[in-house]
Amino acid sequence: MSQISGYEQLNLGEGILIYEMADASDNNGELKKSEWRRLNWFEMMRVITRSLAWQYMEDCEVKDLYVG
């Protein structure tokens, strides 16, 4: 699988793990920093499915498919 926009793909011996940049905030709700957050299995499937759908649309020049 190629790089997915907005996500980082790492292989740490546990299979493919997908991380996204998540905003971390302190207890006051103020933005503290951004950090990589590991996606759970369902989130990974959603990201992969969306990525494949967009690639299909680009390959077939389909413009009216909604991916949500």
PDB file of N, CA and C in Angstrom:
ATOM      1  N   MET A   1       0.855  -1.183   0.000  1.00  0.00           N
ATOM      2  CA  MET A   1       0.000   0.000   0.000  1.00  0.00           C
ATOM      3  C   MET A   1       0.891   1.232   0.000  1.00  0.00           C
ATOM      4  N   SER A   2       0.555   2.198  -0.785  1.00  0.00           N
ATOM      5  CA  SER A   2       1.354   3.414  -0.872  1.00  0.00           C
ATOM      6  C   SER A   2       0.970   4.377   0.253  1.00  0.00           C
ATOM      7  N   GLN A   3       1.673   5.477   0.317  1.00  0.00           N
ATOM      8  CA  GLN A   3       1.404   6.484   1.336  1.00  0.00           C
ATOM      9  C   GLN A   3      -0.017   7.011   1.193  1.00  0.00           C
ATOM     10  N   ILE A   4      -0.722   7.131   2.298  1.00  0.00           N
ATOM     11  CA  ILE A   4      -2.076   7.676   2.310  1.00  0.00           C
ATOM     12  C   ILE A   4      -1.993   9.106   2.806  1.00  0.00           C
ATOM     13  N   SER A   5      -2.574  10.021   2.086  1.00  0.00           N
ATOM     14  CA  SER A   5      -2.492  11.434   2.430  1.00  0.00           C
ATOM     15  C   SER A   5      -3.003  11.686   3.848  1.00  0.00           C
ATOM     16  N   GLY A   6      -2.205  12.374   4.659  1.00  0.00           N
ATOM     17  CA  GLY A   6      -2.601  12.728   6.017  1.00  0.00           C
ATOM     18  C   GLY A   6      -2.300  11.661   7.054  1.00  0.00           C
ATOM     19  N   TYR A   7      -1.742  10.541   6.609  1.00  0.00           N
ATOM     20  CA  TYR A   7      -1.466   9.434   7.525  1.00  0.00           C
ATOM     21  C   TYR A   7      -0.046   8.947   7.324  1.00  0.00           C
ATOM     22  N   GLU A   8       0.484   8.302   8.329  1.00  0.00           N
ATOM     23  CA  GLU A   8       1.807   7.710   8.250  1.00  0.00           C
ATOM     24  C   GLU A   8       1.649   6.211   8.441  1.00  0.00           C
ATOM     25  N   GLN A   9       2.351   5.474   7.636  1.00  0.00           N
ATOM     26  CA  GLN A   9       2.246   4.012   7.666  1.00  0.00           C
ATOM     27  C   GLN A   9       3.561   3.446   8.192  1.00  0.00           C
ATOM     28  N   LEU A  10       3.505   2.678   9.255  1.00  0.00           N
ATOM     29  CA  LEU A  10       4.708   2.139   9.860  1.00  0.00           C
ATOM     30  C   LEU A  10       4.575   0.631   9.998  1.00  0.00           C
ATOM     31  N   ASN A  11       5.656  -0.070   9.800  1.00  0.00           N
ATOM     32  CA  ASN A  11       5.658  -1.508  10.010  1.00  0.00           C
ATOM     33  C   ASN A  11       6.657  -1.797  11.117  1.00  0.00           C
ATOM     34  N   LEU A  12       6.159  -2.167  12.289  1.00  0.00           N
ATOM     35  CA  LEU A  12       7.009  -2.383  13.455  1.00  0.00           C
ATOM     36  C   LEU A  12       7.026  -3.853  13.859  1.00  0.00           C
ATOM     37  N   GLY A  13       6.858  -4.749  12.890  1.00  0.00           N
ATOM     38  CA  GLY A  13       6.838  -6.158  13.199  1.00  0.00           C
ATOM     39  C   GLY A  13       5.479  -6.650  13.648  1.00  0.00           C
ATOM     40  N   GLU A  14       4.502  -5.770  13.715  1.00  0.00           N
ATOM     41  CA  GLU A  14       3.145  -6.128  14.120  1.00  0.00           C
ATOM     42  C   GLU A  14       2.201  -6.046  12.925  1.00  0.00           C
ATOM     43  N   GLY A  15       2.745  -6.126  11.720  1.00  0.00           N
ATOM     44  CA  GLY A  15       1.922  -5.873  10.553  1.00  0.00           C
ATOM     45  C   GLY A  15       1.903  -4.388  10.276  1.00  0.00           C
ATOM     46  N   ILE A  16       1.032  -3.957   9.397  1.00  0.00           N
ATOM     47  CA  ILE A  16       0.960  -2.545   9.027  1.00  0.00           C
ATOM     48  C   ILE A  16       0.138  -1.793  10.065  1.00  0.00           C
ATOM     49  N   LEU A  17       0.730  -0.757  10.612  1.00  0.00           N
ATOM     50  CA  LEU A  17       0.031   0.122  11.534  1.00  0.00           C
ATOM     51  C   LEU A  17      -0.107   1.475  10.864  1.00  0.00           C
ATOM     52  N   ILE A  18      -1.256   2.078  10.996  1.00  0.00           N
ATOM     53  CA  ILE A  18      -1.473   3.396  10.407  1.00  0.00           C
ATOM     54  C   ILE A  18      -1.663   4.395  11.539  1.00  0.00           C
ATOM     55  N   TYR A  19      -0.926   5.478  11.447  1.00  0.00           N
ATOM     56  CA  TYR A  19      -1.003   6.533  12.440  1.00  0.00           C
ATOM     57  C   TYR A  19      -1.516   7.804  11.776  1.00  0.00           C
ATOM     58  N   GLU A  20      -2.210   8.628  12.552  1.00  0.00           N
ATOM     59  CA  GLU A  20      -2.614   9.933  12.048  1.00  0.00           C
ATOM     60  C   GLU A  20      -2.111  10.995  13.011  1.00  0.00           C
ATOM     61  N   MET A  21      -1.965  12.197  12.505  1.00  0.00           N
ATOM     62  CA  MET A  21      -1.543  13.303  13.350  1.00  0.00           C
ATOM     63  C   MET A  21      -2.767  13.769  14.140  1.00  0.00           C
ATOM     64  N   ALA A  22      -2.674  13.651  15.449  1.00  0.00           N
ATOM     65  CA  ALA A  22      -3.787  14.052  16.311  1.00  0.00           C
ATOM     66  C   ALA A  22      -3.340  15.234  17.163  1.00  0.00           C
ATOM     67  N   ASP A  23      -4.244  16.170  17.383  1.00  0.00           N
ATOM     68  CA  ASP A  23      -3.927  17.325  18.218  1.00  0.00           C
ATOM     69  C   ASP A  23      -4.103  16.944  19.680  1.00  0.00           C
ATOM     70  N   ALA A  24      -3.058  17.105  20.452  1.00  0.00           N
ATOM     71  CA  ALA A  24      -3.116  16.821  21.889  1.00  0.00           C
ATOM     72  C   ALA A  24      -3.326  18.124  22.627  1.00  0.00           C
ATOM     73  N   SER A  25      -4.253  18.145  23.572  1.00  0.00           N
ATOM     74  CA  SER A  25      -4.500  19.360  24.337  1.00  0.00           C
ATOM     75  C   SER A  25      -4.321  19.063  25.818  1.00  0.00           C
ATOM     76  N   ASP A  26      -4.037  20.103  26.575  1.00  0.00           N
ATOM     77  CA  ASP A  26      -3.869  19.918  28.016  1.00  0.00           C
ATOM     78  C   ASP A  26      -5.241  19.925  28.692  1.00  0.00           C
ATOM     79  N   ASN A  27      -5.259  19.922  30.015  1.00  0.00           N
ATOM     80  CA  ASN A  27      -6.522  19.841  30.765  1.00  0.00           C
ATOM     81  C   ASN A  27      -7.407  21.070  30.573  1.00  0.00           C
ATOM     82  N   ASN A  28      -6.829  22.196  30.189  1.00  0.00           N
ATOM     83  CA  ASN A  28      -7.609  23.412  29.972  1.00  0.00           C
ATOM     84  C   ASN A  28      -8.207  23.475  28.572  1.00  0.00           C
ATOM     85  N   GLY A  29      -7.924  22.466  27.764  1.00  0.00           N
ATOM     86  CA  GLY A  29      -8.453  22.455  26.419  1.00  0.00           C
ATOM     87  C   GLY A  29      -7.618  23.234  25.426  1.00  0.00           C
ATOM     88  N   GLU A  30      -6.483  23.770  25.886  1.00  0.00           N
ATOM     89  CA  GLU A  30      -5.621  24.524  24.982  1.00  0.00           C
ATOM     90  C   GLU A  30      -4.742  23.564  24.194  1.00  0.00           C
ATOM     91  N   LEU A  31      -4.487  23.912  22.956  1.00  0.00           N
ATOM     92  CA  LEU A  31      -3.660  23.065  22.108  1.00  0.00           C
ATOM     93  C   LEU A  31      -2.237  23.056  22.629  1.00  0.00           C
ATOM     94  N   LYS A  32      -1.754  21.874  22.949  1.00  0.00           N
ATOM     95  CA  LYS A  32      -0.405  21.739  23.500  1.00  0.00           C
ATOM     96  C   LYS A  32       0.589  21.376  22.411  1.00  0.00           C
ATOM     97  N   LYS A  33       0.315  20.324  21.670  1.00  0.00           N
ATOM     98  CA  LYS A  33       1.203  19.889  20.609  1.00  0.00           C
ATOM     99  C   LYS A  33       0.445  18.902  19.740  1.00  0.00           C
ATOM    100  N   SER A  34       1.042  18.530  18.649  1.00  0.00           N
ATOM    101  CA  SER A  34       0.478  17.496  17.807  1.00  0.00           C
ATOM    102  C   SER A  34       1.315  16.242  17.963  1.00  0.00           C
ATOM    103  N   GLU A  35       0.658  15.105  17.955  1.00  0.00           N
ATOM    104  CA  GLU A  35       1.392  13.851  18.098  1.00  0.00           C
ATOM    105  C   GLU A  35       0.730  12.787  17.227  1.00  0.00           C
ATOM    106  N   TRP A  36       1.489  11.745  16.943  1.00  0.00           N
ATOM    107  CA  TRP A  36       0.954  10.656  16.137  1.00  0.00           C
ATOM    108  C   TRP A  36       0.091   9.759  17.014  1.00  0.00           C
ATOM    109  N   ARG A  37      -1.083   9.433  16.528  1.00  0.00           N
ATOM    110  CA  ARG A  37      -2.017   8.570  17.248  1.00  0.00           C
ATOM    111  C   ARG A  37      -2.228   7.310  16.435  1.00  0.00           C
ATOM    112  N   ARG A  38      -2.110   6.151  17.075  1.00  0.00           N
ATOM    113  CA  ARG A  38      -2.312   4.889  16.372  1.00  0.00           C
ATOM    114  C   ARG A  38      -3.803   4.660  16.161  1.00  0.00           C
ATOM    115  N   LEU A  39      -4.172   4.346  14.937  1.00  0.00           N
ATOM    116  CA  LEU A  39      -5.567   4.074  14.630  1.00  0.00           C
ATOM    117  C   LEU A  39      -5.924   2.654  15.055  1.00  0.00           C
ATOM    118  N   ASN A  40      -7.165   2.468  15.503  1.00  0.00           N
ATOM    119  CA  ASN A  40      -7.598   1.113  15.806  1.00  0.00           C
ATOM    120  C   ASN A  40      -7.976   0.395  14.503  1.00  0.00           C
ATOM    121  N   TRP A  41      -8.314  -0.884  14.599  1.00  0.00           N
ATOM    122  CA  TRP A  41      -8.546  -1.705  13.410  1.00  0.00           C
ATOM    123  C   TRP A  41      -9.658  -1.129  12.527  1.00  0.00           C
ATOM    124  N   PHE A  42     -10.762  -0.705  13.130  1.00  0.00           N
ATOM    125  CA  PHE A  42     -11.887  -0.184  12.349  1.00  0.00           C
ATOM    126  C   PHE A  42     -11.518   1.120  11.641  1.00  0.00           C
ATOM    127  N   GLU A  43     -10.777   1.973  12.323  1.00  0.00           N
ATOM    128  CA  GLU A  43     -10.329   3.216  11.698  1.00  0.00           C
ATOM    129  C   GLU A  43      -9.379   2.929  10.542  1.00  0.00           C
ATOM    130  N   MET A  44      -8.497   1.930  10.706  1.00  0.00           N
ATOM    131  CA  MET A  44      -7.577   1.572   9.627  1.00  0.00           C
ATOM    132  C   MET A  44      -8.352   1.084   8.403  1.00  0.00           C
ATOM    133  N   MET A  45      -9.374   0.265   8.623  1.00  0.00           N
ATOM    134  CA  MET A  45     -10.166  -0.249   7.496  1.00  0.00           C
ATOM    135  C   MET A  45     -10.878   0.892   6.771  1.00  0.00           C
ATOM    136  N   ARG A  46     -11.365   1.868   7.539  1.00  0.00           N
ATOM    137  CA  ARG A  46     -12.039   3.026   6.932  1.00  0.00           C
ATOM    138  C   ARG A  46     -11.063   3.830   6.068  1.00  0.00           C
ATOM    139  N   VAL A  47      -9.857   4.056   6.595  1.00  0.00           N
ATOM    140  CA  VAL A  47      -8.848   4.824   5.856  1.00  0.00           C
ATOM    141  C   VAL A  47      -8.428   4.086   4.592  1.00  0.00           C
ATOM    142  N   ILE A  48      -8.175   2.786   4.713  1.00  0.00           N
ATOM    143  CA  ILE A  48      -7.750   1.992   3.558  1.00  0.00           C
ATOM    144  C   ILE A  48      -8.841   1.945   2.504  1.00  0.00           C
ATOM    145  N   THR A  49     -10.089   1.730   2.937  1.00  0.00           N
ATOM    146  CA  THR A  49     -11.209   1.681   1.998  1.00  0.00           C
ATOM    147  C   THR A  49     -11.378   3.008   1.274  1.00  0.00           C
ATOM    148  N   ARG A  50     -11.297   4.107   2.013  1.00  0.00           N
ATOM    149  CA  ARG A  50     -11.421   5.434   1.401  1.00  0.00           C
ATOM    150  C   ARG A  50     -10.293   5.675   0.405  1.00  0.00           C
ATOM    151  N   SER A  51      -9.064   5.278   0.777  1.00  0.00           N
ATOM    152  CA  SER A  51      -7.925   5.458  -0.105  1.00  0.00           C
ATOM    153  C   SER A  51      -8.102   4.668  -1.399  1.00  0.00           C
ATOM    154  N   LEU A  52      -8.546   3.418  -1.275  1.00  0.00           N
ATOM    155  CA  LEU A  52      -8.762   2.594  -2.465  1.00  0.00           C
ATOM    156  C   LEU A  52      -9.871   3.170  -3.344  1.00  0.00           C
ATOM    157  N   ALA A  53     -10.926   3.687  -2.722  1.00  0.00           N
ATOM    158  CA  ALA A  53     -12.020   4.278  -3.493  1.00  0.00           C
ATOM    159  C   ALA A  53     -11.545   5.501  -4.268  1.00  0.00           C
ATOM    160  N   TRP A  54     -10.745   6.363  -3.617  1.00  0.00           N
ATOM    161  CA  TRP A  54     -10.229   7.543  -4.311  1.00  0.00           C
ATOM    162  C   TRP A  54      -9.304   7.151  -5.455  1.00  0.00           C
ATOM    163  N   GLN A  55      -8.491   6.113  -5.226  1.00  0.00           N
ATOM    164  CA  GLN A  55      -7.602   5.660  -6.293  1.00  0.00           C
ATOM    165  C   GLN A  55      -8.419   5.129  -7.468  1.00  0.00           C
ATOM    166  N   TYR A  56      -9.483   4.401  -7.172  1.00  0.00           N
ATOM    167  CA  TYR A  56     -10.361   3.881  -8.224  1.00  0.00           C
ATOM    168  C   TYR A  56     -10.990   5.039  -9.006  1.00  0.00           C
ATOM    169  N   MET A  57     -11.440   6.060  -8.278  1.00  0.00           N
ATOM    170  CA  MET A  57     -12.057   7.205  -8.949  1.00  0.00           C
ATOM    171  C   MET A  57     -11.058   7.902  -9.852  1.00  0.00           C
ATOM    172  N   GLU A  58      -9.816   8.051  -9.395  1.00  0.00           N
ATOM    173  CA  GLU A  58      -8.800   8.693 -10.227  1.00  0.00           C
ATOM    174  C   GLU A  58      -8.492   7.847 -11.452  1.00  0.00           C
ATOM    175  N   ASP A  59      -8.398   6.530 -11.277  1.00  0.00           N
ATOM    176  CA  ASP A  59      -8.089   5.642 -12.394  1.00  0.00           C
ATOM    177  C   ASP A  59      -9.204   5.621 -13.423  1.00  0.00           C
ATOM    178  N   CYS A  60     -10.446   5.676 -12.950  1.00  0.00           N
ATOM    179  CA  CYS A  60     -11.589   5.555 -13.862  1.00  0.00           C
ATOM    180  C   CYS A  60     -12.221   6.899 -14.191  1.00  0.00           C
ATOM    181  N   GLU A  61     -11.682   7.972 -13.618  1.00  0.00           N
ATOM    182  CA  GLU A  61     -12.200   9.324 -13.809  1.00  0.00           C
ATOM    183  C   GLU A  61     -13.666   9.431 -13.394  1.00  0.00           C
ATOM    184  N   VAL A  62     -14.000   8.744 -12.304  1.00  0.00           N
ATOM    185  CA  VAL A  62     -15.342   8.844 -11.736  1.00  0.00           C
ATOM    186  C   VAL A  62     -15.334  10.056 -10.818  1.00  0.00           C
ATOM    187  N   LYS A  63     -16.294  10.936 -10.973  1.00  0.00           N
ATOM    188  CA  LYS A  63     -16.275  12.175 -10.192  1.00  0.00           C
ATOM    189  C   LYS A  63     -17.427  12.291  -9.198  1.00  0.00           C
ATOM    190  N   ASP A  64     -18.500  11.520  -9.357  1.00  0.00           N
ATOM    191  CA  ASP A  64     -19.689  11.727  -8.542  1.00  0.00           C
ATOM    192  C   ASP A  64     -19.892  10.675  -7.457  1.00  0.00           C
ATOM    193  N   LEU A  65     -18.846   9.922  -7.101  1.00  0.00           N
ATOM    194  CA  LEU A  65     -18.962   8.894  -6.070  1.00  0.00           C
ATOM    195  C   LEU A  65     -18.714   9.520  -4.714  1.00  0.00           C
ATOM    196  N   TYR A  66     -19.643   9.309  -3.800  1.00  0.00           N
ATOM    197  CA  TYR A  66     -19.481   9.837  -2.442  1.00  0.00           C
ATOM    198  C   TYR A  66     -18.781   8.799  -1.580  1.00  0.00           C
ATOM    199  N   VAL A  67     -17.694   9.203  -0.929  1.00  0.00           N
ATOM    200  CA  VAL A  67     -16.979   8.320  -0.019  1.00  0.00           C
ATOM    201  C   VAL A  67     -17.081   8.947   1.354  1.00  0.00           C
ATOM    202  N   GLY A  68     -17.775   8.290   2.276  1.00  0.00           N
ATOM    203  CA  GLY A  68     -17.977   8.898   3.586  1.00  0.00           C
ATOM    204  C   GLY A  68     -17.644   8.027   4.725  1.00  0.00           C
TER     205      GLY A  68
END
